[in-house]
Amino acid sequence: MPNITIKLLSEEYLPTVWSLRLRGDGALAEFARNHIESYQPVASWKVDVLDEAAAEEAFDLTNNPSRQSEREFLYGKQRTMTVGDIVEVGSGECYICDAIGWTKL
């Protein structure tokens, strides 16, 4: 079972990434690569899926109201994941939350 780590972008950059998400030309992923120091790991746990499915599991946990108890146990009281945040799967494979779905970094 791989470990996943959620890395949240500093909130000061959220307006920037929200505008980049509309471009659809890879600008969001490039922003993340160039500002990787602005991401903070906030939670990590094991999952039984890989790749984008693991990223989707992390997103669902942080955004699905029916999983509130599990969320608080695994993720604490962090903000929900949004466009621009990163999920690291296993030993370094990273996915950025895009306007629709995930983009591998």
PDB file of N, CA and C in Angstrom:
ATOM      1  N   MET A   1       0.837  -1.179   0.000  1.00  0.00           N
ATOM      2  CA  MET A   1       0.000   0.000   0.000  1.00  0.00           C
ATOM      3  C   MET A   1       0.886   1.247   0.000  1.00  0.00           C
ATOM      4  N   PRO A   2       0.654   2.128  -0.962  1.00  0.00           N
ATOM      5  CA  PRO A   2       1.466   3.345  -1.013  1.00  0.00           C
ATOM      6  C   PRO A   2       1.008   4.374   0.025  1.00  0.00           C
ATOM      7  N   ASN A   3       1.919   5.238   0.348  1.00  0.00           N
ATOM      8  CA  ASN A   3       1.635   6.361   1.213  1.00  0.00           C
ATOM      9  C   ASN A   3       1.299   7.557   0.330  1.00  0.00           C
ATOM     10  N   ILE A   4       0.344   8.381   0.731  1.00  0.00           N
ATOM     11  CA  ILE A   4       0.102   9.631   0.027  1.00  0.00           C
ATOM     12  C   ILE A   4       0.353  10.788   0.983  1.00  0.00           C
ATOM     13  N   THR A   5       0.825  11.880   0.433  1.00  0.00           N
ATOM     14  CA  THR A   5       1.063  13.092   1.205  1.00  0.00           C
ATOM     15  C   THR A   5       0.374  14.239   0.498  1.00  0.00           C
ATOM     16  N   ILE A   6      -0.438  14.964   1.231  1.00  0.00           N
ATOM     17  CA  ILE A   6      -1.081  16.152   0.683  1.00  0.00           C
ATOM     18  C   ILE A   6      -0.192  17.343   0.970  1.00  0.00           C
ATOM     19  N   LYS A   7       0.053  18.129  -0.083  1.00  0.00           N
ATOM     20  CA  LYS A   7       0.851  19.346   0.034  1.00  0.00           C
ATOM     21  C   LYS A   7      -0.025  20.511  -0.409  1.00  0.00           C
ATOM     22  N   LEU A   8      -0.321  21.385   0.546  1.00  0.00           N
ATOM     23  CA  LEU A   8      -1.177  22.524   0.254  1.00  0.00           C
ATOM     24  C   LEU A   8      -0.333  23.733  -0.132  1.00  0.00           C
ATOM     25  N   LEU A   9      -0.824  24.447  -1.111  1.00  0.00           N
ATOM     26  CA  LEU A   9      -0.177  25.673  -1.558  1.00  0.00           C
ATOM     27  C   LEU A   9      -0.491  26.786  -0.570  1.00  0.00           C
ATOM     28  N   SER A  10       0.487  27.624  -0.322  1.00  0.00           N
ATOM     29  CA  SER A  10       0.276  28.784   0.525  1.00  0.00           C
ATOM     30  C   SER A  10      -0.903  29.592  -0.011  1.00  0.00           C
ATOM     31  N   GLU A  11      -1.796  29.995   0.883  1.00  0.00           N
ATOM     32  CA  GLU A  11      -3.033  30.663   0.468  1.00  0.00           C
ATOM     33  C   GLU A  11      -2.796  31.963  -0.295  1.00  0.00           C
ATOM     34  N   GLU A  12      -1.653  32.583  -0.117  1.00  0.00           N
ATOM     35  CA  GLU A  12      -1.376  33.825  -0.848  1.00  0.00           C
ATOM     36  C   GLU A  12      -1.302  33.597  -2.356  1.00  0.00           C
ATOM     37  N   TYR A  13      -1.011  32.355  -2.779  1.00  0.00           N
ATOM     38  CA  TYR A  13      -0.899  32.051  -4.203  1.00  0.00           C
ATOM     39  C   TYR A  13      -2.198  31.526  -4.819  1.00  0.00           C
ATOM     40  N   LEU A  14      -3.209  31.278  -4.016  1.00  0.00           N
ATOM     41  CA  LEU A  14      -4.441  30.690  -4.553  1.00  0.00           C
ATOM     42  C   LEU A  14      -5.092  31.546  -5.649  1.00  0.00           C
ATOM     43  N   PRO A  15      -5.183  32.872  -5.510  1.00  0.00           N
ATOM     44  CA  PRO A  15      -5.761  33.645  -6.622  1.00  0.00           C
ATOM     45  C   PRO A  15      -4.987  33.473  -7.935  1.00  0.00           C
ATOM     46  N   THR A  16      -3.678  33.335  -7.846  1.00  0.00           N
ATOM     47  CA  THR A  16      -2.857  33.138  -9.044  1.00  0.00           C
ATOM     48  C   THR A  16      -3.182  31.814  -9.702  1.00  0.00           C
ATOM     49  N   VAL A  17      -3.224  30.738  -8.921  1.00  0.00           N
ATOM     50  CA  VAL A  17      -3.486  29.427  -9.528  1.00  0.00           C
ATOM     51  C   VAL A  17      -4.921  29.321 -10.021  1.00  0.00           C
ATOM     52  N   TRP A  18      -5.839  29.994  -9.365  1.00  0.00           N
ATOM     53  CA  TRP A  18      -7.224  29.961  -9.842  1.00  0.00           C
ATOM     54  C   TRP A  18      -7.343  30.631 -11.211  1.00  0.00           C
ATOM     55  N   SER A  19      -6.535  31.659 -11.453  1.00  0.00           N
ATOM     56  CA  SER A  19      -6.564  32.274 -12.786  1.00  0.00           C
ATOM     57  C   SER A  19      -5.834  31.404 -13.809  1.00  0.00           C
ATOM     58  N   LEU A  20      -4.762  30.734 -13.391  1.00  0.00           N
ATOM     59  CA  LEU A  20      -4.015  29.860 -14.313  1.00  0.00           C
ATOM     60  C   LEU A  20      -4.830  28.642 -14.728  1.00  0.00           C
ATOM     61  N   ARG A  21      -5.721  28.180 -13.882  1.00  0.00           N
ATOM     62  CA  ARG A  21      -6.496  26.968 -14.183  1.00  0.00           C
ATOM     63  C   ARG A  21      -7.348  27.138 -15.429  1.00  0.00           C
ATOM     64  N   LEU A  22      -7.695  28.350 -15.738  1.00  0.00           N
ATOM     65  CA  LEU A  22      -8.545  28.607 -16.900  1.00  0.00           C
ATOM     66  C   LEU A  22      -7.783  28.518 -18.217  1.00  0.00           C
ATOM     67  N   ARG A  23      -6.468  28.615 -18.164  1.00  0.00           N
ATOM     68  CA  ARG A  23      -5.671  28.621 -19.392  1.00  0.00           C
ATOM     69  C   ARG A  23      -5.599  27.262 -20.058  1.00  0.00           C
ATOM     70  N   GLY A  24      -5.446  26.211 -19.267  1.00  0.00           N
ATOM     71  CA  GLY A  24      -5.428  24.865 -19.826  1.00  0.00           C
ATOM     72  C   GLY A  24      -4.229  24.550 -20.692  1.00  0.00           C
ATOM     73  N   ASP A  25      -3.131  25.270 -20.513  1.00  0.00           N
ATOM     74  CA  ASP A  25      -1.957  25.074 -21.364  1.00  0.00           C
ATOM     75  C   ASP A  25      -0.736  24.574 -20.598  1.00  0.00           C
ATOM     76  N   GLY A  26      -0.960  24.005 -19.435  1.00  0.00           N
ATOM     77  CA  GLY A  26       0.150  23.517 -18.625  1.00  0.00           C
ATOM     78  C   GLY A  26       0.740  24.570 -17.702  1.00  0.00           C
ATOM     79  N   ALA A  27       0.173  25.778 -17.715  1.00  0.00           N
ATOM     80  CA  ALA A  27       0.703  26.863 -16.891  1.00  0.00           C
ATOM     81  C   ALA A  27       0.601  26.548 -15.399  1.00  0.00           C
ATOM     82  N   LEU A  28      -0.455  25.844 -15.004  1.00  0.00           N
ATOM     83  CA  LEU A  28      -0.638  25.509 -13.596  1.00  0.00           C
ATOM     84  C   LEU A  28       0.465  24.569 -13.114  1.00  0.00           C
ATOM     85  N   ALA A  29       0.756  23.542 -13.887  1.00  0.00           N
ATOM     86  CA  ALA A  29       1.824  22.602 -13.522  1.00  0.00           C
ATOM     87  C   ALA A  29       3.179  23.307 -13.510  1.00  0.00           C
ATOM     88  N   GLU A  30       3.409  24.179 -14.450  1.00  0.00           N
ATOM     89  CA  GLU A  30       4.678  24.928 -14.485  1.00  0.00           C
ATOM     90  C   GLU A  30       4.792  25.829 -13.259  1.00  0.00           C
ATOM     91  N   PHE A  31       3.704  26.477 -12.889  1.00  0.00           N
ATOM     92  CA  PHE A  31       3.701  27.296 -11.679  1.00  0.00           C
ATOM     93  C   PHE A  31       4.115  26.443 -10.470  1.00  0.00           C
ATOM     94  N   ALA A  32       3.509  25.267 -10.341  1.00  0.00           N
ATOM     95  CA  ALA A  32       3.816  24.396  -9.203  1.00  0.00           C
ATOM     96  C   ALA A  32       5.292  24.005  -9.186  1.00  0.00           C
ATOM     97  N   ARG A  33       5.835  23.664 -10.339  1.00  0.00           N
ATOM     98  CA  ARG A  33       7.255  23.292 -10.393  1.00  0.00           C
ATOM     99  C   ARG A  33       8.140  24.464  -9.980  1.00  0.00           C
ATOM    100  N   ASN A  34       7.759  25.668 -10.370  1.00  0.00           N
ATOM    101  CA  ASN A  34       8.574  26.854 -10.077  1.00  0.00           C
ATOM    102  C   ASN A  34       8.380  27.400  -8.669  1.00  0.00           C
ATOM    103  N   HIS A  35       7.329  26.971  -7.985  1.00  0.00           N
ATOM    104  CA  HIS A  35       7.034  27.466  -6.638  1.00  0.00           C
ATOM    105  C   HIS A  35       6.888  26.327  -5.630  1.00  0.00           C
ATOM    106  N   ILE A  36       7.589  25.240  -5.870  1.00  0.00           N
ATOM    107  CA  ILE A  36       7.433  24.052  -5.027  1.00  0.00           C
ATOM    108  C   ILE A  36       7.715  24.354  -3.552  1.00  0.00           C
ATOM    109  N   GLU A  37       8.567  25.346  -3.278  1.00  0.00           N
ATOM    110  CA  GLU A  37       8.871  25.710  -1.885  1.00  0.00           C
ATOM    111  C   GLU A  37       7.672  26.343  -1.182  1.00  0.00           C
ATOM    112  N   SER A  38       6.658  26.737  -1.937  1.00  0.00           N
ATOM    113  CA  SER A  38       5.462  27.353  -1.362  1.00  0.00           C
ATOM    114  C   SER A  38       4.416  26.321  -0.941  1.00  0.00           C
ATOM    115  N   TYR A  39       4.735  25.054  -1.098  1.00  0.00           N
ATOM    116  CA  TYR A  39       3.835  23.962  -0.709  1.00  0.00           C
ATOM    117  C   TYR A  39       4.274  23.389   0.630  1.00  0.00           C
ATOM    118  N   GLN A  40       3.301  23.148   1.483  1.00  0.00           N
ATOM    119  CA  GLN A  40       3.579  22.574   2.797  1.00  0.00           C
ATOM    120  C   GLN A  40       2.903  21.216   2.930  1.00  0.00           C
ATOM    121  N   PRO A  41       3.666  20.154   3.277  1.00  0.00           N
ATOM    122  CA  PRO A  41       3.025  18.867   3.543  1.00  0.00           C
ATOM    123  C   PRO A  41       2.196  18.991   4.823  1.00  0.00           C
ATOM    124  N   VAL A  42       0.932  18.574   4.747  1.00  0.00           N
ATOM    125  CA  VAL A  42       0.041  18.737   5.898  1.00  0.00           C
ATOM    126  C   VAL A  42      -0.514  17.423   6.437  1.00  0.00           C
ATOM    127  N   ALA A  43      -0.478  16.367   5.637  1.00  0.00           N
ATOM    128  CA  ALA A  43      -1.010  15.081   6.106  1.00  0.00           C
ATOM    129  C   ALA A  43      -0.474  13.970   5.217  1.00  0.00           C
ATOM    130  N   SER A  44      -0.357  12.802   5.812  1.00  0.00           N
ATOM    131  CA  SER A  44       0.142  11.643   5.089  1.00  0.00           C
ATOM    132  C   SER A  44      -0.500  10.387   5.671  1.00  0.00           C
ATOM    133  N   TRP A  45      -0.899   9.465   4.797  1.00  0.00           N
ATOM    134  CA  TRP A  45      -1.473   8.195   5.232  1.00  0.00           C
ATOM    135  C   TRP A  45      -1.399   7.179   4.105  1.00  0.00           C
ATOM    136  N   LYS A  46      -1.656   5.938   4.432  1.00  0.00           N
ATOM    137  CA  LYS A  46      -1.612   4.851   3.456  1.00  0.00           C
ATOM    138  C   LYS A  46      -2.961   4.690   2.770  1.00  0.00           C
ATOM    139  N   VAL A  47      -2.903   4.356   1.471  1.00  0.00           N
ATOM    140  CA  VAL A  47      -4.109   4.085   0.690  1.00  0.00           C
ATOM    141  C   VAL A  47      -3.897   2.788  -0.075  1.00  0.00           C
ATOM    142  N   ASP A  48      -4.972   2.224  -0.594  1.00  0.00           N
ATOM    143  CA  ASP A  48      -4.860   0.960  -1.318  1.00  0.00           C
ATOM    144  C   ASP A  48      -5.033   1.134  -2.822  1.00  0.00           C
ATOM    145  N   VAL A  49      -4.793   2.349  -3.318  1.00  0.00           N
ATOM    146  CA  VAL A  49      -4.863   2.636  -4.756  1.00  0.00           C
ATOM    147  C   VAL A  49      -3.595   3.366  -5.173  1.00  0.00           C
ATOM    148  N   LEU A  50      -3.376   3.469  -6.478  1.00  0.00           N
ATOM    149  CA  LEU A  50      -2.158   4.088  -7.010  1.00  0.00           C
ATOM    150  C   LEU A  50      -2.499   5.259  -7.927  1.00  0.00           C
ATOM    151  N   ASP A  51      -1.477   6.005  -8.285  1.00  0.00           N
ATOM    152  CA  ASP A  51      -1.536   7.029  -9.321  1.00  0.00           C
ATOM    153  C   ASP A  51      -2.651   8.047  -9.072  1.00  0.00           C
ATOM    154  N   GLU A  52      -3.363   8.409 -10.144  1.00  0.00           N
ATOM    155  CA  GLU A  52      -4.427   9.410 -10.033  1.00  0.00           C
ATOM    156  C   GLU A  52      -5.541   8.961  -9.100  1.00  0.00           C
ATOM    157  N   ALA A  53      -5.765   7.673  -8.995  1.00  0.00           N
ATOM    158  CA  ALA A  53      -6.796   7.176  -8.081  1.00  0.00           C
ATOM    159  C   ALA A  53      -6.436   7.529  -6.635  1.00  0.00           C
ATOM    160  N   ALA A  54      -5.169   7.518  -6.298  1.00  0.00           N
ATOM    161  CA  ALA A  54      -4.737   7.910  -4.955  1.00  0.00           C
ATOM    162  C   ALA A  54      -4.953   9.403  -4.744  1.00  0.00           C
ATOM    163  N   ALA A  55      -4.669  10.197  -5.758  1.00  0.00           N
ATOM    164  CA  ALA A  55      -4.921  11.636  -5.664  1.00  0.00           C
ATOM    165  C   ALA A  55      -6.414  11.905  -5.508  1.00  0.00           C
ATOM    166  N   GLU A  56      -7.218  11.182  -6.243  1.00  0.00           N
ATOM    167  CA  GLU A  56      -8.667  11.345  -6.155  1.00  0.00           C
ATOM    168  C   GLU A  56      -9.181  10.956  -4.773  1.00  0.00           C
ATOM    169  N   GLU A  57      -8.603   9.911  -4.191  1.00  0.00           N
ATOM    170  CA  GLU A  57      -8.970   9.496  -2.833  1.00  0.00           C
ATOM    171  C   GLU A  57      -8.672  10.619  -1.842  1.00  0.00           C
ATOM    172  N   ALA A  58      -7.514  11.256  -1.969  1.00  0.00           N
ATOM    173  CA  ALA A  58      -7.157  12.368  -1.077  1.00  0.00           C
ATOM    174  C   ALA A  58      -8.132  13.530  -1.237  1.00  0.00           C
ATOM    175  N   PHE A  59      -8.468  13.850  -2.487  1.00  0.00           N
ATOM    176  CA  PHE A  59      -9.406  14.940  -2.743  1.00  0.00           C
ATOM    177  C   PHE A  59     -10.774  14.628  -2.137  1.00  0.00           C
ATOM    178  N   ASP A  60     -11.241  13.405  -2.339  1.00  0.00           N
ATOM    179  CA  ASP A  60     -12.550  13.027  -1.807  1.00  0.00           C
ATOM    180  C   ASP A  60     -12.560  13.110  -0.286  1.00  0.00           C
ATOM    181  N   LEU A  61     -11.505  12.630   0.344  1.00  0.00           N
ATOM    182  CA  LEU A  61     -11.449  12.673   1.805  1.00  0.00           C
ATOM    183  C   LEU A  61     -11.558  14.109   2.308  1.00  0.00           C
ATOM    184  N   THR A  62     -10.896  15.042   1.645  1.00  0.00           N
ATOM    185  CA  THR A  62     -10.869  16.420   2.144  1.00  0.00           C
ATOM    186  C   THR A  62     -12.091  17.231   1.744  1.00  0.00           C
ATOM    187  N   ASN A  63     -12.885  16.744   0.807  1.00  0.00           N
ATOM    188  CA  ASN A  63     -14.016  17.516   0.298  1.00  0.00           C
ATOM    189  C   ASN A  63     -15.385  16.882   0.514  1.00  0.00           C
ATOM    190  N   ASN A  64     -15.430  15.631   0.888  1.00  0.00           N
ATOM    191  CA  ASN A  64     -16.704  14.908   0.998  1.00  0.00           C
ATOM    192  C   ASN A  64     -17.268  15.031   2.419  1.00  0.00           C
ATOM    193  N   PRO A  65     -18.386  15.750   2.590  1.00  0.00           N
ATOM    194  CA  PRO A  65     -18.946  15.942   3.930  1.00  0.00           C
ATOM    195  C   PRO A  65     -19.308  14.644   4.648  1.00  0.00           C
ATOM    196  N   SER A  66     -19.618  13.589   3.911  1.00  0.00           N
ATOM    197  CA  SER A  66     -19.988  12.331   4.565  1.00  0.00           C
ATOM    198  C   SER A  66     -18.783  11.615   5.178  1.00  0.00           C
ATOM    199  N   ARG A  67     -17.572  12.135   4.919  1.00  0.00           N
ATOM    200  CA  ARG A  67     -16.358  11.518   5.467  1.00  0.00           C
ATOM    201  C   ARG A  67     -15.724  12.390   6.552  1.00  0.00           C
ATOM    202  N   GLN A  68     -16.517  13.237   7.188  1.00  0.00           N
ATOM    203  CA  GLN A  68     -15.996  14.220   8.140  1.00  0.00           C
ATOM    204  C   GLN A  68     -15.186  13.589   9.272  1.00  0.00           C
ATOM    205  N   SER A  69     -15.671  12.534   9.871  1.00  0.00           N
ATOM    206  CA  SER A  69     -14.944  11.905  10.989  1.00  0.00           C
ATOM    207  C   SER A  69     -13.608  11.354  10.525  1.00  0.00           C
ATOM    208  N   GLU A  70     -13.623  10.642   9.405  1.00  0.00           N
ATOM    209  CA  GLU A  70     -12.378  10.088   8.852  1.00  0.00           C
ATOM    210  C   GLU A  70     -11.419  11.215   8.482  1.00  0.00           C
ATOM    211  N   ARG A  71     -11.984  12.272   7.896  1.00  0.00           N
ATOM    212  CA  ARG A  71     -11.155  13.418   7.504  1.00  0.00           C
ATOM    213  C   ARG A  71     -10.432  14.003   8.716  1.00  0.00           C
ATOM    214  N   GLU A  72     -11.166  14.249   9.784  1.00  0.00           N
ATOM    215  CA  GLU A  72     -10.546  14.843  10.964  1.00  0.00           C
ATOM    216  C   GLU A  72      -9.481  13.931  11.556  1.00  0.00           C
ATOM    217  N   PHE A  73      -9.698  12.626  11.501  1.00  0.00           N
ATOM    218  CA  PHE A  73      -8.714  11.679  12.022  1.00  0.00           C
ATOM    219  C   PHE A  73      -7.434  11.688  11.186  1.00  0.00           C
ATOM    220  N   LEU A  74      -7.565  11.628   9.852  1.00  0.00           N
ATOM    221  CA  LEU A  74      -6.402  11.531   8.977  1.00  0.00           C
ATOM    222  C   LEU A  74      -5.798  12.876   8.580  1.00  0.00           C
ATOM    223  N   TYR A  75      -6.629  13.901   8.506  1.00  0.00           N
ATOM    224  CA  TYR A  75      -6.243  15.166   7.878  1.00  0.00           C
ATOM    225  C   TYR A  75      -6.318  16.355   8.828  1.00  0.00           C
ATOM    226  N   GLY A  76      -6.947  16.179   9.950  1.00  0.00           N
ATOM    227  CA  GLY A  76      -7.077  17.277  10.896  1.00  0.00           C
ATOM    228  C   GLY A  76      -8.110  18.289  10.430  1.00  0.00           C
ATOM    229  N   LYS A  77      -7.851  19.537  10.714  1.00  0.00           N
ATOM    230  CA  LYS A  77      -8.792  20.600  10.373  1.00  0.00           C
ATOM    231  C   LYS A  77      -8.217  21.520   9.300  1.00  0.00           C
ATOM    232  N   GLN A  78      -7.430  20.950   8.407  1.00  0.00           N
ATOM    233  CA  GLN A  78      -6.882  21.722   7.291  1.00  0.00           C
ATOM    234  C   GLN A  78      -8.009  22.133   6.346  1.00  0.00           C
ATOM    235  N   ARG A  79      -7.716  23.109   5.497  1.00  0.00           N
ATOM    236  CA  ARG A  79      -8.695  23.485   4.480  1.00  0.00           C
ATOM    237  C   ARG A  79      -8.845  22.352   3.472  1.00  0.00           C
ATOM    238  N   THR A  80      -9.952  22.350   2.743  1.00  0.00           N
ATOM    239  CA  THR A  80     -10.156  21.327   1.724  1.00  0.00           C
ATOM    240  C   THR A  80      -9.150  21.518   0.595  1.00  0.00           C
ATOM    241  N   MET A  81      -8.856  20.440  -0.100  1.00  0.00           N
ATOM    242  CA  MET A  81      -7.970  20.541  -1.261  1.00  0.00           C
ATOM    243  C   MET A  81      -8.692  21.299  -2.367  1.00  0.00           C
ATOM    244  N   THR A  82      -7.916  22.015  -3.157  1.00  0.00           N
ATOM    245  CA  THR A  82      -8.471  22.780  -4.265  1.00  0.00           C
ATOM    246  C   THR A  82      -7.466  22.820  -5.414  1.00  0.00           C
ATOM    247  N   VAL A  83      -7.866  23.451  -6.479  1.00  0.00           N
ATOM    248  CA  VAL A  83      -6.990  23.608  -7.645  1.00  0.00           C
ATOM    249  C   VAL A  83      -5.652  24.184  -7.190  1.00  0.00           C
ATOM    250  N   GLY A  84      -4.575  23.553  -7.650  1.00  0.00           N
ATOM    251  CA  GLY A  84      -3.233  24.014  -7.323  1.00  0.00           C
ATOM    252  C   GLY A  84      -2.550  23.223  -6.229  1.00  0.00           C
ATOM    253  N   ASP A  85      -3.305  22.449  -5.441  1.00  0.00           N
ATOM    254  CA  ASP A  85      -2.696  21.638  -4.390  1.00  0.00           C
ATOM    255  C   ASP A  85      -2.123  20.351  -4.994  1.00  0.00           C
ATOM    256  N   ILE A  86      -1.214  19.731  -4.267  1.00  0.00           N
ATOM    257  CA  ILE A  86      -0.466  18.570  -4.774  1.00  0.00           C
ATOM    258  C   ILE A  86      -0.696  17.356  -3.881  1.00  0.00           C
ATOM    259  N   VAL A  87      -0.790  16.189  -4.518  1.00  0.00           N
ATOM    260  CA  VAL A  87      -0.780  14.919  -3.808  1.00  0.00           C
ATOM    261  C   VAL A  87       0.444  14.149  -4.290  1.00  0.00           C
ATOM    262  N   GLU A  88       1.292  13.771  -3.342  1.00  0.00           N
ATOM    263  CA  GLU A  88       2.456  12.928  -3.647  1.00  0.00           C
ATOM    264  C   GLU A  88       2.080  11.498  -3.332  1.00  0.00           C
ATOM    265  N   VAL A  89       2.280  10.610  -4.300  1.00  0.00           N
ATOM    266  CA  VAL A  89       1.905   9.206  -4.174  1.00  0.00           C
ATOM    267  C   VAL A  89       3.167   8.367  -4.130  1.00  0.00           C
ATOM    268  N   GLY A  90       3.255   7.517  -3.128  1.00  0.00           N
ATOM    269  CA  GLY A  90       4.395   6.612  -3.040  1.00  0.00           C
ATOM    270  C   GLY A  90       5.693   7.349  -2.829  1.00  0.00           C
ATOM    271  N   SER A  91       6.667   7.016  -3.647  1.00  0.00           N
ATOM    272  CA  SER A  91       8.012   7.557  -3.450  1.00  0.00           C
ATOM    273  C   SER A  91       8.308   8.747  -4.359  1.00  0.00           C
ATOM    274  N   GLY A  92       7.362   9.661  -4.486  1.00  0.00           N
ATOM    275  CA  GLY A  92       7.678  10.898  -5.177  1.00  0.00           C
ATOM    276  C   GLY A  92       6.864  11.231  -6.405  1.00  0.00           C
ATOM    277  N   GLU A  93       5.956  10.379  -6.832  1.00  0.00           N
ATOM    278  CA  GLU A  93       5.112  10.698  -7.979  1.00  0.00           C
ATOM    279  C   GLU A  93       4.073  11.721  -7.528  1.00  0.00           C
ATOM    280  N   CYS A  94       4.067  12.903  -8.168  1.00  0.00           N
ATOM    281  CA  CYS A  94       3.191  13.990  -7.723  1.00  0.00           C
ATOM    282  C   CYS A  94       2.144  14.339  -8.771  1.00  0.00           C
ATOM    283  N   TYR A  95       0.957  14.675  -8.261  1.00  0.00           N
ATOM    284  CA  TYR A  95      -0.157  15.106  -9.098  1.00  0.00           C
ATOM    285  C   TYR A  95      -0.672  16.428  -8.558  1.00  0.00           C
ATOM    286  N   ILE A  96      -0.898  17.381  -9.468  1.00  0.00           N
ATOM    287  CA  ILE A  96      -1.480  18.654  -9.070  1.00  0.00           C
ATOM    288  C   ILE A  96      -2.962  18.632  -9.408  1.00  0.00           C
ATOM    289  N   CYS A  97      -3.753  19.150  -8.489  1.00  0.00           N
ATOM    290  CA  CYS A  97      -5.192  19.244  -8.697  1.00  0.00           C
ATOM    291  C   CYS A  97      -5.431  20.323  -9.755  1.00  0.00           C
ATOM    292  N   ASP A  98      -5.984  19.925 -10.869  1.00  0.00           N
ATOM    293  CA  ASP A  98      -6.224  20.839 -11.998  1.00  0.00           C
ATOM    294  C   ASP A  98      -7.694  21.218 -12.031  1.00  0.00           C
ATOM    295  N   ALA A  99      -8.075  22.061 -12.972  1.00  0.00           N
ATOM    296  CA  ALA A  99      -9.460  22.516 -13.079  1.00  0.00           C
ATOM    297  C   ALA A  99     -10.410  21.322 -13.223  1.00  0.00           C
ATOM    298  N   ILE A 100      -9.985  20.338 -13.994  1.00  0.00           N
ATOM    299  CA  ILE A 100     -10.716  19.084 -14.130  1.00  0.00           C
ATOM    300  C   ILE A 100      -9.693  17.968 -14.013  1.00  0.00           C
ATOM    301  N   GLY A 101      -9.768  17.206 -12.967  1.00  0.00           N
ATOM    302  CA  GLY A 101      -8.861  16.073 -12.811  1.00  0.00           C
ATOM    303  C   GLY A 101      -7.494  16.455 -12.292  1.00  0.00           C
ATOM    304  N   TRP A 102      -6.506  15.664 -12.710  1.00  0.00           N
ATOM    305  CA  TRP A 102      -5.152  15.755 -12.180  1.00  0.00           C
ATOM    306  C   TRP A 102      -4.147  15.850 -13.303  1.00  0.00           C
ATOM    307  N   THR A 103      -3.057  16.552 -13.044  1.00  0.00           N
ATOM    308  CA  THR A 103      -1.937  16.622 -13.992  1.00  0.00           C
ATOM    309  C   THR A 103      -0.709  16.100 -13.264  1.00  0.00           C
ATOM    310  N   LYS A 104      -0.036  15.152 -13.887  1.00  0.00           N
ATOM    311  CA  LYS A 104       1.177  14.602 -13.284  1.00  0.00           C
ATOM    312  C   LYS A 104       2.307  15.620 -13.429  1.00  0.00           C
ATOM    313  N   LEU A 105       3.023  15.840 -12.316  1.00  0.00           N
ATOM    314  CA  LEU A 105       4.155  16.766 -12.347  1.00  0.00           C
ATOM    315  C   LEU A 105       5.434  16.041 -12.699  1.00  0.00           C
TER     316      LEU A 105
END
